[in-house]
Structure formats: structure tokens, C-alpha cells
Amino acid sequence: MNLAIVILNWNGKTWLEKFLPNVIENSGEAAIFIIDNASTDDSVSYLKDSFPSINIVLNQKNLGFAGGYNEGLKSINY
């Protein structure tokens, strides 16, 4: 069985720093995807530098909560 954890992010570097290490530690064999909703902070570069094994999906603009997830999920074939 394939399992994926998908997290929507928008300017959430502080939250990623605080919570993502625990998500990774407790995710077992699940793939982790971060959908970035066109962040203007440095959360994407932080993810690339600190967690190179994380899958990042980049939305071209902020589509809100449901729109961001729906658009990002289209790019995930897991």
C-alpha cells in the first residue's frame, strides 16, 4: 500500500520549522509532499535546503485552501 502525507503551505516557514521534523520522524515509509501555494517567504528554499528528500509541488498562485490542495494534488501521481 502506498501512503502519502500532503501538506499545503503558504508563507509557513515558521510552522514548517516547528512541525515538519516530527512529521518526517513519525511518517514511517509514507512519501511527504508539500504543496506550496505561491509563498512569498523563503519557505520553499528552506524546504529544498533542509529537507531535500521532500517532494515539493509549486502552485503558480495562491488558490486558497481548497483550491491550493486541489491544484497541487493534480501533480501528485503516487
Protein backbone atom coordinates (compact mmCIF):
# COMPACT_ATOMS: atom_id res chain seq x y z
CA MET A 1 0.00 0.00 0.00
CA ASN A 2 1.30 3.46 -0.93
CA LEU A 3 0.77 6.20 1.61
CA ALA A 4 1.42 9.90 1.14
CA ILE A 5 1.24 12.82 3.53
CA VAL A 6 0.34 16.05 1.73
CA ILE A 7 0.69 19.43 3.43
CA LEU A 8 -0.41 22.76 1.97
CA ASN A 9 1.94 25.65 2.71
CA TRP A 10 1.65 29.39 2.25
CA ASN A 11 4.33 31.53 3.89
CA GLY A 12 4.60 28.92 6.61
CA LYS A 13 8.35 28.60 7.14
CA THR A 14 7.92 29.08 10.90
CA TRP A 15 5.36 26.24 11.03
CA LEU A 16 7.48 24.01 8.82
CA GLU A 17 10.49 24.55 11.07
CA LYS A 18 8.42 23.72 14.12
CA PHE A 19 6.39 20.73 12.94
CA LEU A 20 7.88 19.16 9.81
CA PRO A 21 10.73 17.33 11.60
CA ASN A 22 8.16 15.49 13.75
CA VAL A 23 6.02 14.69 10.72
CA ILE A 24 9.05 13.19 8.98
CA GLU A 25 10.12 11.30 12.07
CA ASN A 26 6.67 9.76 12.54
CA SER A 27 5.68 9.21 8.91
CA GLY A 28 7.28 5.80 8.53
CA GLU A 29 7.53 4.88 4.86
CA ALA A 30 4.99 7.46 3.70
CA ALA A 31 6.02 9.87 0.98
CA ILE A 32 5.78 13.50 2.06
CA PHE A 33 4.59 16.20 -0.31
CA ILE A 34 4.45 19.91 0.39
CA ILE A 35 2.17 21.88 -1.92
CA ASP A 36 3.36 25.47 -1.87
CA ASN A 37 0.61 27.97 -2.56
CA ALA A 38 2.87 30.66 -4.12
CA SER A 39 4.62 31.62 -0.90
CA THR A 40 6.48 34.92 -0.80
CA ASP A 41 8.63 34.00 2.20
CA ASP A 42 11.63 31.69 1.93
CA SER A 43 9.77 28.51 2.88
CA VAL A 44 10.46 26.82 -0.48
CA SER A 45 14.20 27.46 -0.30
CA TYR A 46 14.13 26.34 3.33
CA LEU A 47 12.48 23.05 2.30
CA LYS A 48 14.94 22.48 -0.54
CA ASP A 49 17.95 23.18 1.69
CA SER A 50 16.80 21.43 4.87
CA PHE A 51 14.72 18.53 3.52
CA PRO A 52 15.97 17.57 0.04
CA SER A 53 14.01 14.30 0.12
CA ILE A 54 10.67 16.13 0.49
CA ASN A 55 8.58 16.37 -2.67
CA ILE A 56 7.58 19.96 -3.42
CA VAL A 57 4.71 20.93 -5.68
CA LEU A 58 4.63 24.61 -6.64
CA ASN A 59 1.32 26.31 -7.36
CA GLN A 60 1.72 29.34 -9.61
CA LYS A 61 -0.57 31.48 -7.44
CA ASN A 62 -2.27 31.33 -4.07
CA LEU A 63 -5.50 29.47 -4.70
CA GLY A 64 -6.73 29.38 -1.11
CA PHE A 65 -7.12 26.26 1.00
CA ALA A 66 -9.33 24.00 -1.13
CA GLY A 67 -8.09 25.38 -4.45
CA GLY A 68 -4.47 25.03 -3.38
CA TYR A 69 -4.92 21.40 -2.40
CA ASN A 70 -7.00 20.57 -5.49
CA GLU A 71 -4.49 22.10 -7.89
CA GLY A 72 -1.48 20.62 -6.11
CA LEU A 73 -2.97 17.14 -5.91
CA LYS A 74 -3.28 17.09 -9.69
CA SER A 75 0.53 16.98 -9.84
CA ILE A 76 0.90 14.05 -7.45
CA ASN A 77 0.89 10.61 -9.03
CA TYR A 78 1.61 8.36 -6.12
